[in-house]
């Protein structure tokens, strides 16, 4: 999986919309959509925010470690 697929997978597992995640990141929905479609890559600060939010490692987020099967963490 690539970053975009992982972002979409995690967003869906957490039952969030693209708008929800964009608001968390303080970016436009369109900018976030570009991350999921691999038209743009998030910078390291954004990747860290996403990894923290989803409670996964950066390795998982960027596809170095398989992310499938992760369930929503109890918050």
PDB file of N, CA and C in Angstrom:
ATOM      1  N   UNK A   1       0.835  -1.196   0.000  1.00  0.00           N
ATOM      2  CA  UNK A   1       0.000   0.000   0.000  1.00  0.00           C
ATOM      3  C   UNK A   1       0.873   1.250   0.000  1.00  0.00           C
ATOM      4  N   UNK A   2       0.339   2.301  -0.588  1.00  0.00           N
ATOM      5  CA  UNK A   2       1.053   3.571  -0.568  1.00  0.00           C
ATOM      6  C   UNK A   2       0.426   4.498   0.477  1.00  0.00           C
ATOM      7  N   UNK A   3       1.002   5.659   0.632  1.00  0.00           N
ATOM      8  CA  UNK A   3       0.536   6.592   1.658  1.00  0.00           C
ATOM      9  C   UNK A   3      -0.945   6.932   1.465  1.00  0.00           C
ATOM     10  N   UNK A   4      -1.324   7.248   0.240  1.00  0.00           N
ATOM     11  CA  UNK A   4      -2.712   7.621  -0.024  1.00  0.00           C
ATOM     12  C   UNK A   4      -3.698   6.531   0.349  1.00  0.00           C
ATOM     13  N   UNK A   5      -3.387   5.297  -0.015  1.00  0.00           N
ATOM     14  CA  UNK A   5      -4.266   4.176   0.329  1.00  0.00           C
ATOM     15  C   UNK A   5      -4.341   3.995   1.839  1.00  0.00           C
ATOM     16  N   UNK A   6      -3.207   4.143   2.514  1.00  0.00           N
ATOM     17  CA  UNK A   6      -3.197   4.012   3.970  1.00  0.00           C
ATOM     18  C   UNK A   6      -4.023   5.105   4.633  1.00  0.00           C
ATOM     19  N   UNK A   7      -3.903   6.332   4.138  1.00  0.00           N
ATOM     20  CA  UNK A   7      -4.687   7.428   4.705  1.00  0.00           C
ATOM     21  C   UNK A   7      -6.181   7.176   4.537  1.00  0.00           C
ATOM     22  N   UNK A   8      -6.570   6.732   3.369  1.00  0.00           N
ATOM     23  CA  UNK A   8      -7.985   6.451   3.117  1.00  0.00           C
ATOM     24  C   UNK A   8      -8.474   5.303   3.994  1.00  0.00           C
ATOM     25  N   UNK A   9      -7.670   4.243   4.099  1.00  0.00           N
ATOM     26  CA  UNK A   9      -8.033   3.095   4.928  1.00  0.00           C
ATOM     27  C   UNK A   9      -8.239   3.526   6.385  1.00  0.00           C
ATOM     28  N   UNK A  10      -7.266   4.248   6.928  1.00  0.00           N
ATOM     29  CA  UNK A  10      -7.362   4.672   8.326  1.00  0.00           C
ATOM     30  C   UNK A  10      -8.541   5.613   8.549  1.00  0.00           C
ATOM     31  N   UNK A  11      -8.760   6.514   7.618  1.00  0.00           N
ATOM     32  CA  UNK A  11      -9.895   7.438   7.744  1.00  0.00           C
ATOM     33  C   UNK A  11     -11.205   6.667   7.786  1.00  0.00           C
ATOM     34  N   UNK A  12     -11.335   5.668   6.926  1.00  0.00           N
ATOM     35  CA  UNK A  12     -12.562   4.873   6.898  1.00  0.00           C
ATOM     36  C   UNK A  12     -12.727   4.027   8.156  1.00  0.00           C
ATOM     37  N   UNK A  13     -11.639   3.458   8.657  1.00  0.00           N
ATOM     38  CA  UNK A  13     -11.697   2.680   9.899  1.00  0.00           C
ATOM     39  C   UNK A  13     -12.203   3.548  11.049  1.00  0.00           C
ATOM     40  N   UNK A  14     -11.818   4.808  11.040  1.00  0.00           N
ATOM     41  CA  UNK A  14     -12.210   5.733  12.103  1.00  0.00           C
ATOM     42  C   UNK A  14     -13.517   6.469  11.798  1.00  0.00           C
ATOM     43  N   UNK A  15     -14.167   6.070  10.702  1.00  0.00           N
ATOM     44  CA  UNK A  15     -15.456   6.676  10.323  1.00  0.00           C
ATOM     45  C   UNK A  15     -15.394   8.196  10.246  1.00  0.00           C
ATOM     46  N   UNK A  16     -14.343   8.695   9.611  1.00  0.00           N
ATOM     47  CA  UNK A  16     -14.173  10.132   9.435  1.00  0.00           C
ATOM     48  C   UNK A  16     -14.314  10.493   7.963  1.00  0.00           C
ATOM     49  N   UNK A  17     -14.708  11.724   7.706  1.00  0.00           N
ATOM     50  CA  UNK A  17     -14.759  12.221   6.333  1.00  0.00           C
ATOM     51  C   UNK A  17     -13.435  12.906   6.011  1.00  0.00           C
ATOM     52  N   UNK A  18     -13.226  13.161   4.734  1.00  0.00           N
ATOM     53  CA  UNK A  18     -12.045  13.923   4.345  1.00  0.00           C
ATOM     54  C   UNK A  18     -12.077  15.303   4.993  1.00  0.00           C
ATOM     55  N   UNK A  19     -13.246  15.889   5.087  1.00  0.00           N
ATOM     56  CA  UNK A  19     -13.380  17.203   5.720  1.00  0.00           C
ATOM     57  C   UNK A  19     -12.975  17.145   7.189  1.00  0.00           C
ATOM     58  N   UNK A  20     -13.380  16.085   7.891  1.00  0.00           N
ATOM     59  CA  UNK A  20     -13.006  15.934   9.303  1.00  0.00           C
ATOM     60  C   UNK A  20     -11.488  15.954   9.474  1.00  0.00           C
ATOM     61  N   UNK A  21     -10.797  15.166   8.653  1.00  0.00           N
ATOM     62  CA  UNK A  21      -9.340  15.066   8.773  1.00  0.00           C
ATOM     63  C   UNK A  21      -8.686  16.378   8.352  1.00  0.00           C
ATOM     64  N   UNK A  22      -9.207  16.997   7.307  1.00  0.00           N
ATOM     65  CA  UNK A  22      -8.664  18.289   6.874  1.00  0.00           C
ATOM     66  C   UNK A  22      -8.760  19.318   8.000  1.00  0.00           C
ATOM     67  N   UNK A  23      -9.867  19.330   8.718  1.00  0.00           N
ATOM     68  CA  UNK A  23     -10.031  20.271   9.828  1.00  0.00           C
ATOM     69  C   UNK A  23      -9.047  19.978  10.954  1.00  0.00           C
ATOM     70  N   UNK A  24      -8.807  18.710  11.240  1.00  0.00           N
ATOM     71  CA  UNK A  24      -7.824  18.337  12.261  1.00  0.00           C
ATOM     72  C   UNK A  24      -6.441  18.840  11.872  1.00  0.00           C
ATOM     73  N   UNK A  25      -6.118  18.726  10.576  1.00  0.00           N
ATOM     74  CA  UNK A  25      -4.807  19.140  10.078  1.00  0.00           C
ATOM     75  C   UNK A  25      -4.722  20.639   9.798  1.00  0.00           C
ATOM     76  N   UNK A  26      -5.880  21.306   9.830  1.00  0.00           N
ATOM     77  CA  UNK A  26      -5.964  22.740   9.511  1.00  0.00           C
ATOM     78  C   UNK A  26      -5.519  23.026   8.072  1.00  0.00           C
ATOM     79  N   UNK A  27      -6.038  22.188   7.159  1.00  0.00           N
ATOM     80  CA  UNK A  27      -5.807  22.363   5.729  1.00  0.00           C
ATOM     81  C   UNK A  27      -7.148  22.261   5.022  1.00  0.00           C
ATOM     82  N   UNK A  28      -7.179  22.560   3.733  1.00  0.00           N
ATOM     83  CA  UNK A  28      -8.430  22.449   2.984  1.00  0.00           C
ATOM     84  C   UNK A  28      -8.739  20.978   2.694  1.00  0.00           C
ATOM     85  N   UNK A  29     -10.015  20.700   2.463  1.00  0.00           N
ATOM     86  CA  UNK A  29     -10.407  19.341   2.101  1.00  0.00           C
ATOM     87  C   UNK A  29      -9.737  18.940   0.797  1.00  0.00           C
ATOM     88  N   UNK A  30      -9.619  19.882  -0.121  1.00  0.00           N
ATOM     89  CA  UNK A  30      -8.986  19.598  -1.409  1.00  0.00           C
ATOM     90  C   UNK A  30      -7.523  19.190  -1.221  1.00  0.00           C
ATOM     91  N   UNK A  31      -6.817  19.878  -0.351  1.00  0.00           N
ATOM     92  CA  UNK A  31      -5.414  19.517  -0.087  1.00  0.00           C
ATOM     93  C   UNK A  31      -5.336  18.106   0.478  1.00  0.00           C
ATOM     94  N   UNK A  32      -6.237  17.787   1.407  1.00  0.00           N
ATOM     95  CA  UNK A  32      -6.228  16.435   1.976  1.00  0.00           C
ATOM     96  C   UNK A  32      -6.577  15.391   0.911  1.00  0.00           C
ATOM     97  N   UNK A  33      -7.531  15.710   0.053  1.00  0.00           N
ATOM     98  CA  UNK A  33      -7.907  14.796  -1.029  1.00  0.00           C
ATOM     99  C   UNK A  33      -6.699  14.476  -1.901  1.00  0.00           C
ATOM    100  N   UNK A  34      -5.849  15.460  -2.131  1.00  0.00           N
ATOM    101  CA  UNK A  34      -4.633  15.228  -2.918  1.00  0.00           C
ATOM    102  C   UNK A  34      -3.697  14.243  -2.230  1.00  0.00           C
ATOM    103  N   UNK A  35      -3.683  14.224  -0.908  1.00  0.00           N
ATOM    104  CA  UNK A  35      -2.866  13.235  -0.193  1.00  0.00           C
ATOM    105  C   UNK A  35      -3.398  11.824  -0.453  1.00  0.00           C
ATOM    106  N   UNK A  36      -4.713  11.658  -0.330  1.00  0.00           N
ATOM    107  CA  UNK A  36      -5.298  10.327  -0.523  1.00  0.00           C
ATOM    108  C   UNK A  36      -5.172   9.838  -1.959  1.00  0.00           C
ATOM    109  N   UNK A  37      -5.165  10.756  -2.911  1.00  0.00           N
ATOM    110  CA  UNK A  37      -5.068  10.359  -4.320  1.00  0.00           C
ATOM    111  C   UNK A  37      -3.623  10.353  -4.819  1.00  0.00           C
ATOM    112  N   UNK A  38      -2.685  10.574  -3.915  1.00  0.00           N
ATOM    113  CA  UNK A  38      -1.247  10.577  -4.236  1.00  0.00           C
ATOM    114  C   UNK A  38      -0.848  11.652  -5.242  1.00  0.00           C
ATOM    115  N   UNK A  39      -1.617  12.725  -5.300  1.00  0.00           N
ATOM    116  CA  UNK A  39      -1.231  13.858  -6.147  1.00  0.00           C
ATOM    117  C   UNK A  39      -0.220  14.742  -5.430  1.00  0.00           C
ATOM    118  N   UNK A  40      -0.240  14.686  -4.093  1.00  0.00           N
ATOM    119  CA  UNK A  40       0.721  15.407  -3.257  1.00  0.00           C
ATOM    120  C   UNK A  40       1.100  14.502  -2.102  1.00  0.00           C
ATOM    121  N   UNK A  41       2.291  14.739  -1.553  1.00  0.00           N
ATOM    122  CA  UNK A  41       2.708  13.999  -0.366  1.00  0.00           C
ATOM    123  C   UNK A  41       2.729  14.946   0.827  1.00  0.00           C
ATOM    124  N   UNK A  42       2.196  14.489   1.954  1.00  0.00           N
ATOM    125  CA  UNK A  42       2.230  15.334   3.145  1.00  0.00           C
ATOM    126  C   UNK A  42       3.666  15.557   3.614  1.00  0.00           C
ATOM    127  N   UNK A  43       3.921  16.735   4.187  1.00  0.00           N
ATOM    128  CA  UNK A  43       5.249  16.977   4.748  1.00  0.00           C
ATOM    129  C   UNK A  43       5.387  16.197   6.057  1.00  0.00           C
ATOM    130  N   UNK A  44       6.588  16.185   6.610  1.00  0.00           N
ATOM    131  CA  UNK A  44       6.858  15.365   7.790  1.00  0.00           C
ATOM    132  C   UNK A  44       6.012  15.786   8.987  1.00  0.00           C
ATOM    133  N   UNK A  45       5.770  17.083   9.163  1.00  0.00           N
ATOM    134  CA  UNK A  45       4.944  17.538  10.286  1.00  0.00           C
ATOM    135  C   UNK A  45       3.518  17.019  10.164  1.00  0.00           C
ATOM    136  N   UNK A  46       3.002  17.018   8.951  1.00  0.00           N
ATOM    137  CA  UNK A  46       1.654  16.510   8.713  1.00  0.00           C
ATOM    138  C   UNK A  46       1.606  15.008   8.927  1.00  0.00           C
ATOM    139  N   UNK A  47       2.625  14.296   8.465  1.00  0.00           N
ATOM    140  CA  UNK A  47       2.686  12.845   8.678  1.00  0.00           C
ATOM    141  C   UNK A  47       2.701  12.510  10.170  1.00  0.00           C
ATOM    142  N   UNK A  48       3.456  13.274  10.936  1.00  0.00           N
ATOM    143  CA  UNK A  48       3.513  13.037  12.383  1.00  0.00           C
ATOM    144  C   UNK A  48       2.143  13.285  13.014  1.00  0.00           C
ATOM    145  N   UNK A  49       1.460  14.357  12.615  1.00  0.00           N
ATOM    146  CA  UNK A  49       0.112  14.632  13.135  1.00  0.00           C
ATOM    147  C   UNK A  49      -0.838  13.482  12.819  1.00  0.00           C
ATOM    148  N   UNK A  50      -0.767  12.992  11.576  1.00  0.00           N
ATOM    149  CA  UNK A  50      -1.639  11.890  11.171  1.00  0.00           C
ATOM    150  C   UNK A  50      -1.315  10.613  11.941  1.00  0.00           C
ATOM    151  N   UNK A  51      -0.040  10.303  12.083  1.00  0.00           N
ATOM    152  CA  UNK A  51       0.366   9.105  12.826  1.00  0.00           C
ATOM    153  C   UNK A  51      -0.098   9.204  14.279  1.00  0.00           C
ATOM    154  N   UNK A  52       0.056  10.375  14.878  1.00  0.00           N
ATOM    155  CA  UNK A  52      -0.401  10.572  16.256  1.00  0.00           C
ATOM    156  C   UNK A  52      -1.915  10.425  16.354  1.00  0.00           C
ATOM    157  N   UNK A  53      -2.632  11.029  15.430  1.00  0.00           N
ATOM    158  CA  UNK A  53      -4.094  10.964  15.463  1.00  0.00           C
ATOM    159  C   UNK A  53      -4.585   9.524  15.352  1.00  0.00           C
ATOM    160  N   UNK A  54      -4.023   8.776  14.400  1.00  0.00           N
ATOM    161  CA  UNK A  54      -4.461   7.398  14.178  1.00  0.00           C
ATOM    162  C   UNK A  54      -3.768   6.395  15.097  1.00  0.00           C
ATOM    163  N   UNK A  55      -2.798   6.880  15.881  1.00  0.00           N
ATOM    164  CA  UNK A  55      -2.048   6.034  16.805  1.00  0.00           C
ATOM    165  C   UNK A  55      -1.362   4.873  16.081  1.00  0.00           C
ATOM    166  N   UNK A  56      -0.653   5.225  15.009  1.00  0.00           N
ATOM    167  CA  UNK A  56       0.157   4.268  14.256  1.00  0.00           C
ATOM    168  C   UNK A  56       1.556   4.855  14.101  1.00  0.00           C
ATOM    169  N   UNK A  57       2.503   4.013  13.744  1.00  0.00           N
ATOM    170  CA  UNK A  57       3.864   4.500  13.521  1.00  0.00           C
ATOM    171  C   UNK A  57       3.963   5.164  12.151  1.00  0.00           C
ATOM    172  N   UNK A  58       4.994   5.967  11.978  1.00  0.00           N
ATOM    173  CA  UNK A  58       5.244   6.549  10.658  1.00  0.00           C
ATOM    174  C   UNK A  58       5.515   5.448   9.638  1.00  0.00           C
ATOM    175  N   UNK A  59       6.195   4.379  10.050  1.00  0.00           N
ATOM    176  CA  UNK A  59       6.447   3.257   9.143  1.00  0.00           C
ATOM    177  C   UNK A  59       5.141   2.674   8.619  1.00  0.00           C
ATOM    178  N   UNK A  60       4.159   2.537   9.485  1.00  0.00           N
ATOM    179  CA  UNK A  60       2.856   2.030   9.039  1.00  0.00           C
ATOM    180  C   UNK A  60       2.185   3.024   8.106  1.00  0.00           C
ATOM    181  N   UNK A  61       2.231   4.280   8.474  1.00  0.00           N
ATOM    182  CA  UNK A  61       1.555   5.303   7.686  1.00  0.00           C
ATOM    183  C   UNK A  61       2.103   5.386   6.265  1.00  0.00           C
ATOM    184  N   UNK A  62       3.416   5.280   6.111  1.00  0.00           N
ATOM    185  CA  UNK A  62       4.016   5.415   4.779  1.00  0.00           C
ATOM    186  C   UNK A  62       4.123   4.085   4.037  1.00  0.00           C
ATOM    187  N   UNK A  63       3.676   2.998   4.652  1.00  0.00           N
ATOM    188  CA  UNK A  63       3.605   1.731   3.940  1.00  0.00           C
ATOM    189  C   UNK A  63       4.792   0.808   4.096  1.00  0.00           C
ATOM    190  N   UNK A  64       5.696   1.115   5.005  1.00  0.00           N
ATOM    191  CA  UNK A  64       6.841   0.224   5.231  1.00  0.00           C
ATOM    192  C   UNK A  64       6.434  -1.004   6.026  1.00  0.00           C
ATOM    193  N   UNK A  65       5.374  -0.876   6.810  1.00  0.00           N
ATOM    194  CA  UNK A  65       4.810  -1.982   7.578  1.00  0.00           C
ATOM    195  C   UNK A  65       3.345  -2.083   7.197  1.00  0.00           C
ATOM    196  N   UNK A  66       2.870  -3.302   7.002  1.00  0.00           N
ATOM    197  CA  UNK A  66       1.481  -3.522   6.590  1.00  0.00           C
ATOM    198  C   UNK A  66       0.519  -2.950   7.626  1.00  0.00           C
ATOM    199  N   UNK A  67      -0.480  -2.249   7.133  1.00  0.00           N
ATOM    200  CA  UNK A  67      -1.419  -1.565   8.013  1.00  0.00           C
ATOM    201  C   UNK A  67      -2.790  -2.243   8.043  1.00  0.00           C
ATOM    202  N   UNK A  68      -3.089  -3.112   7.108  1.00  0.00           N
ATOM    203  CA  UNK A  68      -4.390  -3.782   7.057  1.00  0.00           C
ATOM    204  C   UNK A  68      -4.653  -4.534   8.353  1.00  0.00           C
ATOM    205  N   UNK A  69      -5.895  -4.537   8.771  1.00  0.00           N
ATOM    206  CA  UNK A  69      -6.285  -5.270   9.960  1.00  0.00           C
ATOM    207  C   UNK A  69      -6.264  -4.435  11.227  1.00  0.00           C
ATOM    208  N   UNK A  70      -5.815  -3.197  11.124  1.00  0.00           N
ATOM    209  CA  UNK A  70      -5.808  -2.329  12.301  1.00  0.00           C
ATOM    210  C   UNK A  70      -7.239  -1.874  12.561  1.00  0.00           C
ATOM    211  N   UNK A  71      -7.646  -2.010  13.788  1.00  0.00           N
ATOM    212  CA  UNK A  71      -8.978  -1.571  14.174  1.00  0.00           C
ATOM    213  C   UNK A  71      -8.878  -0.210  14.849  1.00  0.00           C
ATOM    214  N   UNK A  72      -9.987   0.443  14.961  1.00  0.00           N
ATOM    215  CA  UNK A  72     -10.022   1.746  15.618  1.00  0.00           C
ATOM    216  C   UNK A  72      -9.584   1.584  17.066  1.00  0.00           C
ATOM    217  N   UNK A  73      -8.650   2.407  17.481  1.00  0.00           N
ATOM    218  CA  UNK A  73      -8.169   2.370  18.863  1.00  0.00           C
ATOM    219  C   UNK A  73      -9.225   2.973  19.782  1.00  0.00           C
ATOM    220  N   UNK A  74      -9.330   2.424  20.959  1.00  0.00           N
ATOM    221  CA  UNK A  74     -10.269   2.961  21.941  1.00  0.00           C
ATOM    222  C   UNK A  74      -9.774   4.329  22.385  1.00  0.00           C
ATOM    223  N   UNK A  75     -10.632   5.310  22.252  1.00  0.00           N
ATOM    224  CA  UNK A  75     -10.237   6.674  22.617  1.00  0.00           C
ATOM    225  C   UNK A  75     -11.008   7.107  23.834  1.00  0.00           C
TER     226      UNK A  75
END
